[in-house]
Amino acid sequence: MERYRILPHTADGKFQAFGRTLEEAFGNAALAMASLMWDWEKVGRRVRHFIHVKAIDREQLLVKFLSEIIFLFGTKSFLLGRVEGLRIRPEFSGLSLEALLEGEVLSDAHELHGDVKAVTYHDLKIEACDGFTVQVVVDM
């Protein structure tokens, strides 16, 4: 199964990510967003960050999850290379997501080729049909 597809967009970045489960689609969305900034396949797994986010619905959960990756890059120069153990659970007031992000700290060994500033709700879609597809537009 294809992990993700970068889509044409006039000014910003746009992608679709796919998964057999919602969790897999969210994890692939993280890799798709990373691919707009660096080659995540060349990033080692020397640094780990555990994240936990809560939201009222799936769309807000996806935006908050991807925003955490942008935050870690901006504050800790963290380059995502892999998403492990991503779990989405229902809660009394919505949903929660937990995941272990593995990667490296930015160094001369890495090449950046883009800068995602924010995740938007514009044209955001989460669809279930023979698996899951998420579509995201990011400000670059």
Protein backbone atom coordinates (compact mmCIF):
# COMPACT_ATOMS: atom_id res chain seq x y z
CA MET A 1 0.00 0.00 0.00
CA GLU A 2 1.22 3.47 -0.89
CA ARG A 3 2.06 5.46 2.28
CA TYR A 4 1.29 8.91 0.96
CA ARG A 5 1.02 11.09 -2.13
CA ILE A 6 2.15 14.72 -2.41
CA LEU A 7 -0.51 16.71 -4.27
CA PRO A 8 -0.10 19.87 -6.33
CA HIS A 9 -1.04 23.11 -4.59
CA THR A 10 -0.52 26.68 -5.75
CA ALA A 11 1.12 28.13 -2.65
CA ASP A 12 1.32 25.64 0.17
CA GLY A 13 1.95 21.92 0.69
CA LYS A 14 -0.79 19.36 0.24
CA PHE A 15 -0.78 15.59 0.66
CA GLN A 16 -2.89 12.51 1.15
CA ALA A 17 -1.80 9.70 3.46
CA PHE A 18 -3.19 6.19 3.52
CA GLY A 19 -3.50 3.34 6.00
CA ARG A 20 -5.37 0.16 6.73
CA THR A 21 -6.24 1.74 10.10
CA LEU A 22 -6.75 5.33 11.20
CA GLU A 23 -3.55 5.07 13.24
CA GLU A 24 -1.54 3.95 10.21
CA ALA A 25 -2.96 6.80 8.11
CA PHE A 26 -2.03 9.35 10.83
CA GLY A 27 1.50 7.91 11.05
CA ASN A 28 1.89 8.11 7.28
CA ALA A 29 0.58 11.69 7.35
CA ALA A 30 3.43 12.55 9.74
CA LEU A 31 5.95 11.04 7.30
CA ALA A 32 4.33 12.85 4.36
CA MET A 33 4.63 16.18 6.18
CA ALA A 34 8.25 15.41 7.10
CA SER A 35 8.98 14.63 3.44
CA LEU A 36 8.08 18.22 2.58
CA MET A 37 11.01 19.34 4.78
CA TRP A 38 13.62 16.53 4.80
CA ASP A 39 14.18 12.98 3.59
CA TRP A 40 12.79 11.07 6.58
CA GLU A 41 14.07 7.75 5.18
CA LYS A 42 17.66 8.96 5.74
CA VAL A 43 17.02 9.94 9.37
CA GLY A 44 18.29 7.57 12.05
CA ARG A 45 16.52 6.66 15.29
CA ARG A 46 18.85 8.11 17.90
CA VAL A 47 16.36 10.44 19.62
CA ARG A 48 12.87 9.61 20.91
CA HIS A 49 9.98 11.83 21.90
CA PHE A 50 6.77 10.49 23.41
CA ILE A 51 3.76 12.62 22.56
CA HIS A 52 0.23 12.65 23.90
CA VAL A 53 -2.47 14.92 22.50
CA LYS A 54 -6.21 15.22 23.11
CA ALA A 55 -8.90 16.63 20.85
CA ILE A 56 -12.64 16.82 20.42
CA ASP A 57 -12.68 15.03 17.04
CA ARG A 58 -10.46 13.23 14.50
CA GLU A 59 -9.72 16.35 12.48
CA GLN A 60 -8.52 18.35 15.48
CA LEU A 61 -6.53 15.32 16.65
CA LEU A 62 -4.71 15.11 13.31
CA VAL A 63 -3.91 18.84 13.32
CA LYS A 64 -2.62 18.70 16.91
CA PHE A 65 -0.53 15.59 16.19
CA LEU A 66 1.15 17.08 13.12
CA SER A 67 1.60 20.40 14.92
CA GLU A 68 3.58 18.60 17.65
CA ILE A 69 6.07 17.46 15.01
CA ILE A 70 6.47 21.04 13.76
CA PHE A 71 6.90 22.20 17.37
CA LEU A 72 9.61 19.59 18.04
CA PHE A 73 11.44 20.63 14.89
CA GLY A 74 11.22 24.33 15.80
CA THR A 75 12.21 23.98 19.45
CA LYS A 76 14.55 20.96 19.50
CA SER A 77 15.69 20.68 15.83
CA PHE A 78 14.11 17.21 15.86
CA LEU A 79 13.88 15.44 12.50
CA LEU A 80 11.21 12.76 12.42
CA GLY A 81 12.33 9.45 10.93
CA ARG A 82 9.72 7.01 12.22
CA VAL A 83 6.42 6.87 14.11
CA GLU A 84 6.01 3.94 16.50
CA GLY A 85 3.13 2.65 18.60
CA LEU A 86 0.62 5.29 17.53
CA ARG A 87 -2.67 4.69 19.33
CA ILE A 88 -5.91 6.61 19.12
CA ARG A 89 -8.43 6.06 21.91
CA PRO A 90 -11.86 7.44 22.68
CA GLU A 91 -12.13 9.49 25.86
CA PHE A 92 -14.97 11.09 27.74
CA SER A 93 -14.45 14.46 26.02
CA GLY A 94 -13.22 13.25 22.60
CA LEU A 95 -10.10 11.39 21.54
CA SER A 96 -6.50 10.99 22.63
CA LEU A 97 -3.42 10.04 20.65
CA GLU A 98 -0.16 8.62 21.94
CA ALA A 99 2.90 7.92 19.83
CA LEU A 100 6.63 7.50 20.03
CA LEU A 101 8.48 9.64 17.51
CA GLU A 102 11.97 8.48 16.58
CA GLY A 103 14.54 10.51 14.71
CA GLU A 104 17.64 12.65 15.03
CA VAL A 105 18.68 16.18 15.84
CA LEU A 106 19.37 18.32 12.77
CA SER A 107 23.06 18.34 11.84
CA ASP A 108 25.30 18.92 8.83
CA ALA A 109 24.51 15.35 7.78
CA HIS A 110 20.92 16.34 6.93
CA GLU A 111 19.59 18.44 4.09
CA LEU A 112 16.45 20.54 4.52
CA HIS A 113 14.41 21.29 1.41
CA GLY A 114 11.31 22.99 2.81
CA ASP A 115 9.76 24.59 5.86
CA VAL A 116 6.28 23.74 7.08
CA LYS A 117 5.07 26.55 9.31
CA ALA A 118 1.62 25.28 10.30
CA VAL A 119 -1.04 22.65 9.71
CA THR A 120 -4.36 24.06 8.48
CA TYR A 121 -7.97 22.94 8.53
CA HIS A 122 -8.37 24.07 4.92
CA ASP A 123 -9.41 21.12 2.74
CA LEU A 124 -8.71 18.72 5.64
CA LYS A 125 -10.38 15.35 5.09
CA ILE A 126 -10.46 12.03 6.89
CA GLU A 127 -12.25 9.33 4.93
CA ALA A 128 -12.89 5.67 5.65
CA CYS A 129 -13.18 3.49 2.56
CA ASP A 130 -11.28 0.20 2.35
CA GLY A 131 -8.90 1.64 4.94
CA PHE A 132 -8.38 5.32 5.70
CA THR A 133 -7.28 8.33 3.69
CA VAL A 134 -6.38 11.67 5.24
CA GLN A 135 -5.79 14.85 3.28
CA VAL A 136 -3.89 17.80 4.72
CA VAL A 137 -2.84 21.27 3.56
CA VAL A 138 0.10 22.89 5.36
CA ASP A 139 1.41 26.47 5.31
CA MET A 140 4.91 26.61 3.90
